[in-house]
Amino acid sequence: IRVVAAGESVLAPSATRRLIGHYASGAVTGIGGGSTPRELDGLTAR
């Protein structure tokens, strides 16, 4: 509760392992809300 209230995030360890595993296998896409690489143009290199 304190972590998310501070603007950070928390995931159960088992959920994190599976989430990363799914990304490694390419099974999960599109959770980022439909953003495209073009939207990164507004970011600085840092």
ModelCIF file with pLDDT and N, C-alpha, C, O atoms, coordinates in Angstrom:
data_MODEL
#
_entry.id   MODEL 
#
_entity.id                         1 
_entity.type                       polymer 
_entity.pdbx_number_of_molecules   1 
#
_entity_poly.entity_id                      1 
_entity_poly.type                           'polypeptide(L)' 
_entity_poly.nstd_linkage                   no 
_entity_poly.nstd_monomer                   no 
_entity_poly.pdbx_seq_one_letter_code       IRVVAAGESVLAPSATRRLIGHYASGAVTGIGGGSTPRELDGLTAR 
_entity_poly.pdbx_seq_one_letter_code_can   IRVVAAGESVLAPSATRRLIGHYASGAVTGIGGGSTPRELDGLTAR 
_entity_poly.pdbx_strand_id                 A 
#
loop_
_entity_poly_seq.entity_id 
_entity_poly_seq.num 
_entity_poly_seq.mon_id 
_entity_poly_seq.hetero 
1 1  ILE n 
1 2  ARG n 
1 3  VAL n 
1 4  VAL n 
1 5  ALA n 
1 6  ALA n 
1 7  GLY n 
1 8  GLU n 
1 9  SER n 
1 10 VAL n 
1 11 LEU n 
1 12 ALA n 
1 13 PRO n 
1 14 SER n 
1 15 ALA n 
1 16 THR n 
1 17 ARG n 
1 18 ARG n 
1 19 LEU n 
1 20 ILE n 
1 21 GLY n 
1 22 HIS n 
1 23 TYR n 
1 24 ALA n 
1 25 SER n 
1 26 GLY n 
1 27 ALA n 
1 28 VAL n 
1 29 THR n 
1 30 GLY n 
1 31 ILE n 
1 32 GLY n 
1 33 GLY n 
1 34 GLY n 
1 35 SER n 
1 36 THR n 
1 37 PRO n 
1 38 ARG n 
1 39 GLU n 
1 40 LEU n 
1 41 ASP n 
1 42 GLY n 
1 43 LEU n 
1 44 THR n 
1 45 ALA n 
1 46 ARG n 
#
_struct_asym.id          A 
_struct_asym.entity_id   1 
#
loop_
_ma_qa_metric.id 
_ma_qa_metric.mode 
_ma_qa_metric.name 
_ma_qa_metric.software_group_id 
_ma_qa_metric.type 
1 global pLDDT . pLDDT 
2 local  pLDDT . pLDDT 
#
_ma_qa_metric_global.metric_id      1 
_ma_qa_metric_global.metric_value   65.63 
_ma_qa_metric_global.model_id       1 
_ma_qa_metric_global.ordinal_id     1 
#
loop_
_ma_qa_metric_local.label_asym_id 
_ma_qa_metric_local.label_comp_id 
_ma_qa_metric_local.label_seq_id 
_ma_qa_metric_local.metric_id 
_ma_qa_metric_local.metric_value 
_ma_qa_metric_local.model_id 
_ma_qa_metric_local.ordinal_id 
A ILE 1  2 95.00 1 1  
A ARG 2  2 94.00 1 2  
A VAL 3  2 88.00 1 3  
A VAL 4  2 89.00 1 4  
A ALA 5  2 92.00 1 5  
A ALA 6  2 87.00 1 6  
A GLY 7  2 79.00 1 7  
A GLU 8  2 77.00 1 8  
A SER 9  2 77.00 1 9  
A VAL 10 2 79.00 1 10 
A LEU 11 2 74.00 1 11 
A ALA 12 2 67.00 1 12 
A PRO 13 2 58.00 1 13 
A SER 14 2 57.00 1 14 
A ALA 15 2 56.00 1 15 
A THR 16 2 55.00 1 16 
A ARG 17 2 53.00 1 17 
A ARG 18 2 54.00 1 18 
A LEU 19 2 58.00 1 19 
A ILE 20 2 52.00 1 20 
A GLY 21 2 55.00 1 21 
A HIS 22 2 56.00 1 22 
A TYR 23 2 51.00 1 23 
A ALA 24 2 48.00 1 24 
A SER 25 2 49.00 1 25 
A GLY 26 2 52.00 1 26 
A ALA 27 2 47.00 1 27 
A VAL 28 2 47.00 1 28 
A THR 29 2 48.00 1 29 
A GLY 30 2 48.00 1 30 
A ILE 31 2 44.00 1 31 
A GLY 32 2 46.00 1 32 
A GLY 33 2 46.00 1 33 
A GLY 34 2 45.00 1 34 
A SER 35 2 45.00 1 35 
A THR 36 2 47.00 1 36 
A PRO 37 2 57.00 1 37 
A ARG 38 2 67.00 1 38 
A GLU 39 2 66.00 1 39 
A LEU 40 2 79.00 1 40 
A ASP 41 2 82.00 1 41 
A GLY 42 2 87.00 1 42 
A LEU 43 2 90.00 1 43 
A THR 44 2 92.00 1 44 
A ALA 45 2 90.00 1 45 
A ARG 46 2 94.00 1 46 
#
loop_
_atom_site.group_PDB 
_atom_site.id 
_atom_site.type_symbol 
_atom_site.label_atom_id 
_atom_site.label_alt_id 
_atom_site.label_comp_id 
_atom_site.label_asym_id 
_atom_site.label_entity_id 
_atom_site.label_seq_id 
_atom_site.pdbx_PDB_ins_code 
_atom_site.Cartn_x 
_atom_site.Cartn_y 
_atom_site.Cartn_z 
_atom_site.occupancy 
_atom_site.B_iso_or_equiv 
_atom_site.pdbx_formal_charge 
_atom_site.auth_seq_id 
_atom_site.auth_comp_id 
_atom_site.auth_asym_id 
_atom_site.auth_atom_id 
_atom_site.pdbx_PDB_model_num 
ATOM 1   N N  . ILE A 1 1  ? 0.836  -1.204  0.000   1.00 95.00 ? 1  ILE A N  1 
ATOM 2   C CA . ILE A 1 1  ? 0.000  0.000   0.000   1.00 95.00 ? 1  ILE A CA 1 
ATOM 3   C C  . ILE A 1 1  ? 0.872  1.255   0.000   1.00 95.00 ? 1  ILE A C  1 
ATOM 4   O O  . ILE A 1 1  ? 0.616  2.198   -0.748  1.00 95.00 ? 1  ILE A O  1 
ATOM 5   N N  . ARG A 1 2  ? 1.895  1.256   0.839   1.00 94.00 ? 2  ARG A N  1 
ATOM 6   C CA . ARG A 1 2  ? 2.783  2.425   0.907   1.00 94.00 ? 2  ARG A CA 1 
ATOM 7   C C  . ARG A 1 2  ? 3.542  2.619   -0.407  1.00 94.00 ? 2  ARG A C  1 
ATOM 8   O O  . ARG A 1 2  ? 3.744  3.747   -0.856  1.00 94.00 ? 2  ARG A O  1 
ATOM 9   N N  . VAL A 1 3  ? 3.956  1.521   -1.010  1.00 88.00 ? 3  VAL A N  1 
ATOM 10  C CA . VAL A 1 3  ? 4.724  1.592   -2.254  1.00 88.00 ? 3  VAL A CA 1 
ATOM 11  C C  . VAL A 1 3  ? 3.887  2.193   -3.376  1.00 88.00 ? 3  VAL A C  1 
ATOM 12  O O  . VAL A 1 3  ? 4.339  3.110   -4.062  1.00 88.00 ? 3  VAL A O  1 
ATOM 13  N N  . VAL A 1 4  ? 2.667  1.683   -3.572  1.00 89.00 ? 4  VAL A N  1 
ATOM 14  C CA . VAL A 1 4  ? 1.853  2.204   -4.670  1.00 89.00 ? 4  VAL A CA 1 
ATOM 15  C C  . VAL A 1 4  ? 1.393  3.626   -4.384  1.00 89.00 ? 4  VAL A C  1 
ATOM 16  O O  . VAL A 1 4  ? 1.239  4.426   -5.307  1.00 89.00 ? 4  VAL A O  1 
ATOM 17  N N  . ALA A 1 5  ? 1.171  3.948   -3.113  1.00 92.00 ? 5  ALA A N  1 
ATOM 18  C CA . ALA A 1 5  ? 0.780  5.317   -2.762  1.00 92.00 ? 5  ALA A CA 1 
ATOM 19  C C  . ALA A 1 5  ? 1.880  6.305   -3.103  1.00 92.00 ? 5  ALA A C  1 
ATOM 20  O O  . ALA A 1 5  ? 1.608  7.466   -3.410  1.00 92.00 ? 5  ALA A O  1 
ATOM 21  N N  . ALA A 1 6  ? 3.123  5.845   -3.048  1.00 87.00 ? 6  ALA A N  1 
ATOM 22  C CA . ALA A 1 6  ? 4.269  6.706   -3.340  1.00 87.00 ? 6  ALA A CA 1 
ATOM 23  C C  . ALA A 1 6  ? 4.548  6.805   -4.838  1.00 87.00 ? 6  ALA A C  1 
ATOM 24  O O  . ALA A 1 6  ? 5.511  7.448   -5.256  1.00 87.00 ? 6  ALA A O  1 
ATOM 25  N N  . GLY A 1 7  ? 3.695  6.163   -5.647  1.00 79.00 ? 7  GLY A N  1 
ATOM 26  C CA . GLY A 1 7  ? 3.878  6.243   -7.088  1.00 79.00 ? 7  GLY A CA 1 
ATOM 27  C C  . GLY A 1 7  ? 4.734  5.138   -7.664  1.00 79.00 ? 7  GLY A C  1 
ATOM 28  O O  . GLY A 1 7  ? 5.062  5.159   -8.850  1.00 79.00 ? 7  GLY A O  1 
ATOM 29  N N  . GLU A 1 8  ? 5.100  4.170   -6.835  1.00 77.00 ? 8  GLU A N  1 
ATOM 30  C CA . GLU A 1 8  ? 5.888  3.038   -7.306  1.00 77.00 ? 8  GLU A CA 1 
ATOM 31  C C  . GLU A 1 8  ? 4.945  1.869   -7.600  1.00 77.00 ? 8  GLU A C  1 
ATOM 32  O O  . GLU A 1 8  ? 3.725  2.032   -7.586  1.00 77.00 ? 8  GLU A O  1 
ATOM 33  N N  . SER A 1 9  ? 5.506  0.708   -7.863  1.00 77.00 ? 9  SER A N  1 
ATOM 34  C CA . SER A 1 9  ? 4.706  -0.456  -8.198  1.00 77.00 ? 9  SER A CA 1 
ATOM 35  C C  . SER A 1 9  ? 5.206  -1.674  -7.451  1.00 77.00 ? 9  SER A C  1 
ATOM 36  O O  . SER A 1 9  ? 6.372  -1.746  -7.063  1.00 77.00 ? 9  SER A O  1 
ATOM 37  N N  . VAL A 1 10 ? 4.307  -2.636  -7.251  1.00 79.00 ? 10 VAL A N  1 
ATOM 38  C CA . VAL A 1 10 ? 4.688  -3.860  -6.558  1.00 79.00 ? 10 VAL A CA 1 
ATOM 39  C C  . VAL A 1 10 ? 3.960  -5.031  -7.192  1.00 79.00 ? 10 VAL A C  1 
ATOM 40  O O  . VAL A 1 10 ? 2.767  -4.953  -7.482  1.00 79.00 ? 10 VAL A O  1 
ATOM 41  N N  . LEU A 1 11 ? 4.693  -6.121  -7.404  1.00 74.00 ? 11 LEU A N  1 
ATOM 42  C CA . LEU A 1 11 ? 4.106  -7.344  -7.935  1.00 74.00 ? 11 LEU A CA 1 
ATOM 43  C C  . LEU A 1 11 ? 4.556  -8.523  -7.089  1.00 74.00 ? 11 LEU A C  1 
ATOM 44  O O  . LEU A 1 11 ? 5.694  -8.571  -6.620  1.00 74.00 ? 11 LEU A O  1 
ATOM 45  N N  . ALA A 1 12 ? 3.645  -9.477  -6.901  1.00 67.00 ? 12 ALA A N  1 
ATOM 46  C CA . ALA A 1 12 ? 4.020  -10.708 -6.220  1.00 67.00 ? 12 ALA A CA 1 
ATOM 47  C C  . ALA A 1 12 ? 5.160  -11.362 -6.993  1.00 67.00 ? 12 ALA A C  1 
ATOM 48  O O  . ALA A 1 12 ? 5.139  -11.361 -8.224  1.00 67.00 ? 12 ALA A O  1 
ATOM 49  N N  . PRO A 1 13 ? 6.156  -11.919 -6.304  1.00 58.00 ? 13 PRO A N  1 
ATOM 50  C CA . PRO A 1 13 ? 7.304  -12.520 -7.001  1.00 58.00 ? 13 PRO A CA 1 
ATOM 51  C C  . PRO A 1 13 ? 6.912  -13.542 -8.064  1.00 58.00 ? 13 PRO A C  1 
ATOM 52  O O  . PRO A 1 13 ? 7.509  -13.576 -9.140  1.00 58.00 ? 13 PRO A O  1 
ATOM 53  N N  . SER A 1 14 ? 5.921  -14.370 -7.773  1.00 57.00 ? 14 SER A N  1 
ATOM 54  C CA . SER A 1 14 ? 5.513  -15.375 -8.759  1.00 57.00 ? 14 SER A CA 1 
ATOM 55  C C  . SER A 1 14 ? 4.947  -14.717 -10.005 1.00 57.00 ? 14 SER A C  1 
ATOM 56  O O  . SER A 1 14 ? 5.190  -15.179 -11.119 1.00 57.00 ? 14 SER A O  1 
ATOM 57  N N  . ALA A 1 15 ? 4.192  -13.638 -9.821  1.00 56.00 ? 15 ALA A N  1 
ATOM 58  C CA . ALA A 1 15 ? 3.622  -12.928 -10.960 1.00 56.00 ? 15 ALA A CA 1 
ATOM 59  C C  . ALA A 1 15 ? 4.717  -12.289 -11.790 1.00 56.00 ? 15 ALA A C  1 
ATOM 60  O O  . ALA A 1 15 ? 4.658  -12.304 -13.019 1.00 56.00 ? 15 ALA A O  1 
ATOM 61  N N  . THR A 1 16 ? 5.714  -11.730 -11.128 1.00 55.00 ? 16 THR A N  1 
ATOM 62  C CA . THR A 1 16 ? 6.816  -11.086 -11.842 1.00 55.00 ? 16 THR A CA 1 
ATOM 63  C C  . THR A 1 16 ? 7.593  -12.099 -12.670 1.00 55.00 ? 16 THR A C  1 
ATOM 64  O O  . THR A 1 16 ? 7.931  -11.829 -13.823 1.00 55.00 ? 16 THR A O  1 
ATOM 65  N N  . ARG A 1 17 ? 7.882  -13.266 -12.091 1.00 53.00 ? 17 ARG A N  1 
ATOM 66  C CA . ARG A 1 17 ? 8.632  -14.287 -12.818 1.00 53.00 ? 17 ARG A CA 1 
ATOM 67  C C  . ARG A 1 17 ? 7.891  -14.719 -14.077 1.00 53.00 ? 17 ARG A C  1 
ATOM 68  O O  . ARG A 1 17 ? 8.500  -14.878 -15.135 1.00 53.00 ? 17 ARG A O  1 
ATOM 69  N N  . ARG A 1 18 ? 6.574  -14.909 -13.966 1.00 54.00 ? 18 ARG A N  1 
ATOM 70  C CA . ARG A 1 18 ? 5.808  -15.361 -15.117 1.00 54.00 ? 18 ARG A CA 1 
ATOM 71  C C  . ARG A 1 18 ? 5.658  -14.258 -16.161 1.00 54.00 ? 18 ARG A C  1 
ATOM 72  O O  . ARG A 1 18 ? 5.680  -14.520 -17.364 1.00 54.00 ? 18 ARG A O  1 
ATOM 73  N N  . LEU A 1 19 ? 5.506  -13.031 -15.690 1.00 58.00 ? 19 LEU A N  1 
ATOM 74  C CA . LEU A 1 19 ? 5.397  -11.910 -16.630 1.00 58.00 ? 19 LEU A CA 1 
ATOM 75  C C  . LEU A 1 19 ? 6.662  -11.796 -17.467 1.00 58.00 ? 19 LEU A C  1 
ATOM 76  O O  . LEU A 1 19 ? 6.596  -11.646 -18.687 1.00 58.00 ? 19 LEU A O  1 
ATOM 77  N N  . ILE A 1 20 ? 7.812  -11.866 -16.808 1.00 52.00 ? 20 ILE A N  1 
ATOM 78  C CA . ILE A 1 20 ? 9.088  -11.788 -17.518 1.00 52.00 ? 20 ILE A CA 1 
ATOM 79  C C  . ILE A 1 20 ? 9.259  -13.002 -18.433 1.00 52.00 ? 20 ILE A C  1 
ATOM 80  O O  . ILE A 1 20 ? 9.750  -12.875 -19.554 1.00 52.00 ? 20 ILE A O  1 
ATOM 81  N N  . GLY A 1 21 ? 8.850  -14.183 -17.947 1.00 55.00 ? 21 GLY A N  1 
ATOM 82  C CA . GLY A 1 21 ? 8.946  -15.377 -18.763 1.00 55.00 ? 21 GLY A CA 1 
ATOM 83  C C  . GLY A 1 21 ? 8.102  -15.293 -20.024 1.00 55.00 ? 21 GLY A C  1 
ATOM 84  O O  . GLY A 1 21 ? 8.512  -15.756 -21.089 1.00 55.00 ? 21 GLY A O  1 
ATOM 85  N N  . HIS A 1 22 ? 6.912  -14.696 -19.898 1.00 56.00 ? 22 HIS A N  1 
ATOM 86  C CA . HIS A 1 22 ? 6.051  -14.546 -21.064 1.00 56.00 ? 22 HIS A CA 1 
ATOM 87  C C  . HIS A 1 22 ? 6.657  -13.570 -22.070 1.00 56.00 ? 22 HIS A C  1 
ATOM 88  O O  . HIS A 1 22 ? 6.548  -13.772 -23.280 1.00 56.00 ? 22 HIS A O  1 
ATOM 89  N N  . TYR A 1 23 ? 7.295  -12.515 -21.570 1.00 51.00 ? 23 TYR A N  1 
ATOM 90  C CA . TYR A 1 23 ? 7.946  -11.593 -22.488 1.00 51.00 ? 23 TYR A CA 1 
ATOM 91  C C  . TYR A 1 23 ? 9.117  -12.277 -23.184 1.00 51.00 ? 23 TYR A C  1 
ATOM 92  O O  . TYR A 1 23 ? 9.362  -12.049 -24.368 1.00 51.00 ? 23 TYR A O  1 
ATOM 93  N N  . ALA A 1 24 ? 9.832  -13.109 -22.451 1.00 48.00 ? 24 ALA A N  1 
ATOM 94  C CA . ALA A 1 24 ? 10.973 -13.813 -23.043 1.00 48.00 ? 24 ALA A CA 1 
ATOM 95  C C  . ALA A 1 24 ? 10.530 -14.740 -24.167 1.00 48.00 ? 24 ALA A C  1 
ATOM 96  O O  . ALA A 1 24 ? 11.266 -14.952 -25.131 1.00 48.00 ? 24 ALA A O  1 
ATOM 97  N N  . SER A 1 25 ? 9.322  -15.293 -24.043 1.00 49.00 ? 25 SER A N  1 
ATOM 98  C CA . SER A 1 25 ? 8.820  -16.209 -25.068 1.00 49.00 ? 25 SER A CA 1 
ATOM 99  C C  . SER A 1 25 ? 8.023  -15.489 -26.138 1.00 49.00 ? 25 SER A C  1 
ATOM 100 O O  . SER A 1 25 ? 7.604  -16.098 -27.122 1.00 49.00 ? 25 SER A O  1 
ATOM 101 N N  . GLY A 1 26 ? 7.810  -14.180 -25.946 1.00 52.00 ? 26 GLY A N  1 
ATOM 102 C CA . GLY A 1 26 ? 7.062  -13.398 -26.917 1.00 52.00 ? 26 GLY A CA 1 
ATOM 103 C C  . GLY A 1 26 ? 5.569  -13.613 -26.826 1.00 52.00 ? 26 GLY A C  1 
ATOM 104 O O  . GLY A 1 26 ? 4.839  -13.296 -27.765 1.00 52.00 ? 26 GLY A O  1 
ATOM 105 N N  . ALA A 1 27 ? 5.097  -14.156 -25.691 1.00 47.00 ? 27 ALA A N  1 
ATOM 106 C CA . ALA A 1 27 ? 3.680  -14.483 -25.571 1.00 47.00 ? 27 ALA A CA 1 
ATOM 107 C C  . ALA A 1 27 ? 2.821  -13.306 -25.157 1.00 47.00 ? 27 ALA A C  1 
ATOM 108 O O  . ALA A 1 27 ? 1.600  -13.364 -25.300 1.00 47.00 ? 27 ALA A O  1 
ATOM 109 N N  . VAL A 1 28 ? 3.418  -12.239 -24.648 1.00 47.00 ? 28 VAL A N  1 
ATOM 110 C CA . VAL A 1 28 ? 2.640  -11.106 -24.170 1.00 47.00 ? 28 VAL A CA 1 
ATOM 111 C C  . VAL A 1 28 ? 2.989  -9.875  -24.976 1.00 47.00 ? 28 VAL A C  1 
ATOM 112 O O  . VAL A 1 28 ? 4.161  -9.527  -25.120 1.00 47.00 ? 28 VAL A O  1 
ATOM 113 N N  . THR A 1 29 ? 1.976  -9.219  -25.499 1.00 48.00 ? 29 THR A N  1 
ATOM 114 C CA . THR A 1 29 ? 2.198  -7.966  -26.215 1.00 48.00 ? 29 THR A CA 1 
ATOM 115 C C  . THR A 1 29 ? 1.061  -7.016  -25.921 1.00 48.00 ? 29 THR A C  1 
ATOM 116 O O  . THR A 1 29 ? -0.023 -7.435  -25.516 1.00 48.00 ? 29 THR A O  1 
ATOM 117 N N  . GLY A 1 30 ? 1.310  -5.743  -26.126 1.00 48.00 ? 30 GLY A N  1 
ATOM 118 C CA . GLY A 1 30 ? 0.237  -4.764  -26.095 1.00 48.00 ? 30 GLY A CA 1 
ATOM 119 C C  . GLY A 1 30 ? -0.203 -4.294  -24.737 1.00 48.00 ? 30 GLY A C  1 
ATOM 120 O O  . GLY A 1 30 ? -1.196 -3.570  -24.655 1.00 48.00 ? 30 GLY A O  1 
ATOM 121 N N  . ILE A 1 31 ? 0.477  -4.662  -23.650 1.00 44.00 ? 31 ILE A N  1 
ATOM 122 C CA . ILE A 1 31 ? 0.033  -4.206  -22.341 1.00 44.00 ? 31 ILE A CA 1 
ATOM 123 C C  . ILE A 1 31 ? 0.401  -2.740  -22.141 1.00 44.00 ? 31 ILE A C  1 
ATOM 124 O O  . ILE A 1 31 ? -0.154 -2.083  -21.261 1.00 44.00 ? 31 ILE A O  1 
ATOM 125 N N  . GLY A 1 32 ? 1.297  -2.234  -22.916 1.00 46.00 ? 32 GLY A N  1 
ATOM 126 C CA . GLY A 1 32 ? 1.748  -0.865  -22.748 1.00 46.00 ? 32 GLY A CA 1 
ATOM 127 C C  . GLY A 1 32 ? 0.769  0.197   -23.182 1.00 46.00 ? 32 GLY A C  1 
ATOM 128 O O  . GLY A 1 32 ? 1.124  1.375   -23.181 1.00 46.00 ? 32 GLY A O  1 
ATOM 129 N N  . GLY A 1 33 ? -0.455 -0.161  -23.557 1.00 46.00 ? 33 GLY A N  1 
ATOM 130 C CA . GLY A 1 33 ? -1.466 0.823   -23.829 1.00 46.00 ? 33 GLY A CA 1 
ATOM 131 C C  . GLY A 1 33 ? -1.466 1.320   -25.265 1.00 46.00 ? 33 GLY A C  1 
ATOM 132 O O  . GLY A 1 33 ? -2.009 2.389   -25.542 1.00 46.00 ? 33 GLY A O  1 
ATOM 133 N N  . GLY A 1 34 ? -0.870 0.568   -26.187 1.00 45.00 ? 34 GLY A N  1 
ATOM 134 C CA . GLY A 1 34 ? -0.925 0.938   -27.586 1.00 45.00 ? 34 GLY A CA 1 
ATOM 135 C C  . GLY A 1 34 ? 0.102  1.970   -27.994 1.00 45.00 ? 34 GLY A C  1 
ATOM 136 O O  . GLY A 1 34 ? -0.001 2.512   -29.094 1.00 45.00 ? 34 GLY A O  1 
ATOM 137 N N  . SER A 1 35 ? 1.083  2.270   -27.171 1.00 45.00 ? 35 SER A N  1 
ATOM 138 C CA . SER A 1 35 ? 2.098  3.247   -27.513 1.00 45.00 ? 35 SER A CA 1 
ATOM 139 C C  . SER A 1 35 ? 2.990  2.702   -28.624 1.00 45.00 ? 35 SER A C  1 
ATOM 140 O O  . SER A 1 35 ? 3.150  1.488   -28.749 1.00 45.00 ? 35 SER A O  1 
ATOM 141 N N  . THR A 1 36 ? 3.565  3.576   -29.420 1.00 47.00 ? 36 THR A N  1 
ATOM 142 C CA . THR A 1 36 ? 4.424  3.177   -30.520 1.00 47.00 ? 36 THR A CA 1 
ATOM 143 C C  . THR A 1 36 ? 5.786  3.810   -30.335 1.00 47.00 ? 36 THR A C  1 
ATOM 144 O O  . THR A 1 36 ? 5.927  4.763   -29.568 1.00 47.00 ? 36 THR A O  1 
ATOM 145 N N  . PRO A 1 37 ? 6.801  3.293   -31.030 1.00 57.00 ? 37 PRO A N  1 
ATOM 146 C CA . PRO A 1 37 ? 8.144  3.864   -30.900 1.00 57.00 ? 37 PRO A CA 1 
ATOM 147 C C  . PRO A 1 37 ? 8.189  5.354   -31.185 1.00 57.00 ? 37 PRO A C  1 
ATOM 148 O O  . PRO A 1 37 ? 9.004  6.072   -30.605 1.00 57.00 ? 37 PRO A O  1 
ATOM 149 N N  . ARG A 1 38 ? 7.318  5.831   -32.078 1.00 67.00 ? 38 ARG A N  1 
ATOM 150 C CA . ARG A 1 38 ? 7.313  7.250   -32.403 1.00 67.00 ? 38 ARG A CA 1 
ATOM 151 C C  . ARG A 1 38 ? 7.090  8.107   -31.159 1.00 67.00 ? 38 ARG A C  1 
ATOM 152 O O  . ARG A 1 38 ? 7.592  9.229   -31.077 1.00 67.00 ? 38 ARG A O  1 
ATOM 153 N N  . GLU A 1 39 ? 6.345  7.584   -30.201 1.00 66.00 ? 39 GLU A N  1 
ATOM 154 C CA . GLU A 1 39 ? 6.060  8.349   -28.985 1.00 66.00 ? 39 GLU A CA 1 
ATOM 155 C C  . GLU A 1 39 ? 7.311  8.538   -28.132 1.00 66.00 ? 39 GLU A C  1 
ATOM 156 O O  . GLU A 1 39 ? 7.340  9.408   -27.262 1.00 66.00 ? 39 GLU A O  1 
ATOM 157 N N  . LEU A 1 40 ? 8.340  7.734   -28.371 1.00 79.00 ? 40 LEU A N  1 
ATOM 158 C CA . LEU A 1 40 ? 9.580  7.898   -27.625 1.00 79.00 ? 40 LEU A CA 1 
ATOM 159 C C  . LEU A 1 40 ? 10.392 9.082   -28.134 1.00 79.00 ? 40 LEU A C  1 
ATOM 160 O O  . LEU A 1 40 ? 11.377 9.474   -27.508 1.00 79.00 ? 40 LEU A O  1 
ATOM 161 N N  . ASP A 1 41 ? 9.987  9.654   -29.265 1.00 82.00 ? 41 ASP A N  1 
ATOM 162 C CA . ASP A 1 41 ? 10.733 10.782  -29.812 1.00 82.00 ? 41 ASP A CA 1 
ATOM 163 C C  . ASP A 1 41 ? 10.777 11.956  -28.845 1.00 82.00 ? 41 ASP A C  1 
ATOM 164 O O  . ASP A 1 41 ? 11.698 12.772  -28.893 1.00 82.00 ? 41 ASP A O  1 
ATOM 165 N N  . GLY A 1 42 ? 9.782  12.040  -27.968 1.00 87.00 ? 42 GLY A N  1 
ATOM 166 C CA . GLY A 1 42 ? 9.736  13.150  -27.021 1.00 87.00 ? 42 GLY A CA 1 
ATOM 167 C C  . GLY A 1 42 ? 10.661 12.982  -25.835 1.00 87.00 ? 42 GLY A C  1 
ATOM 168 O O  . GLY A 1 42 ? 10.820 13.909  -25.041 1.00 87.00 ? 42 GLY A O  1 
ATOM 169 N N  . LEU A 1 43 ? 11.281 11.804  -25.698 1.00 90.00 ? 43 LEU A N  1 
ATOM 170 C CA . LEU A 1 43 ? 12.181 11.556  -24.577 1.00 90.00 ? 43 LEU A CA 1 
ATOM 171 C C  . LEU A 1 43 ? 13.595 12.000  -24.918 1.00 90.00 ? 43 LEU A C  1 
ATOM 172 O O  . LEU A 1 43 ? 14.035 11.890  -26.062 1.00 90.00 ? 43 LEU A O  1 
ATOM 173 N N  . THR A 1 44 ? 14.293 12.499  -23.919 1.00 92.00 ? 44 THR A N  1 
ATOM 174 C CA . THR A 1 44 ? 15.707 12.790  -24.102 1.00 92.00 ? 44 THR A CA 1 
ATOM 175 C C  . THR A 1 44 ? 16.490 11.477  -24.066 1.00 92.00 ? 44 THR A C  1 
ATOM 176 O O  . THR A 1 44 ? 15.958 10.441  -23.669 1.00 92.00 ? 44 THR A O  1 
ATOM 177 N N  . ALA A 1 45 ? 17.744 11.527  -24.479 1.00 90.00 ? 45 ALA A N  1 
ATOM 178 C CA . ALA A 1 45 ? 18.585 10.326  -24.446 1.00 90.00 ? 45 ALA A CA 1 
ATOM 179 C C  . ALA A 1 45 ? 18.714 9.803   -23.016 1.00 90.00 ? 45 ALA A C  1 
ATOM 180 O O  . ALA A 1 45 ? 18.698 8.593   -22.794 1.00 90.00 ? 45 ALA A O  1 
ATOM 181 N N  . ARG A 1 46 ? 18.842 10.702  -22.055 1.00 94.00 ? 46 ARG A N  1 
ATOM 182 C CA . ARG A 1 46 ? 18.968 10.283  -20.664 1.00 94.00 ? 46 ARG A CA 1 
ATOM 183 C C  . ARG A 1 46 ? 17.682 9.638   -20.176 1.00 94.00 ? 46 ARG A C  1 
ATOM 184 O O  . ARG A 1 46 ? 17.600 9.220   -19.021 1.00 94.00 ? 46 ARG A O  1 
#
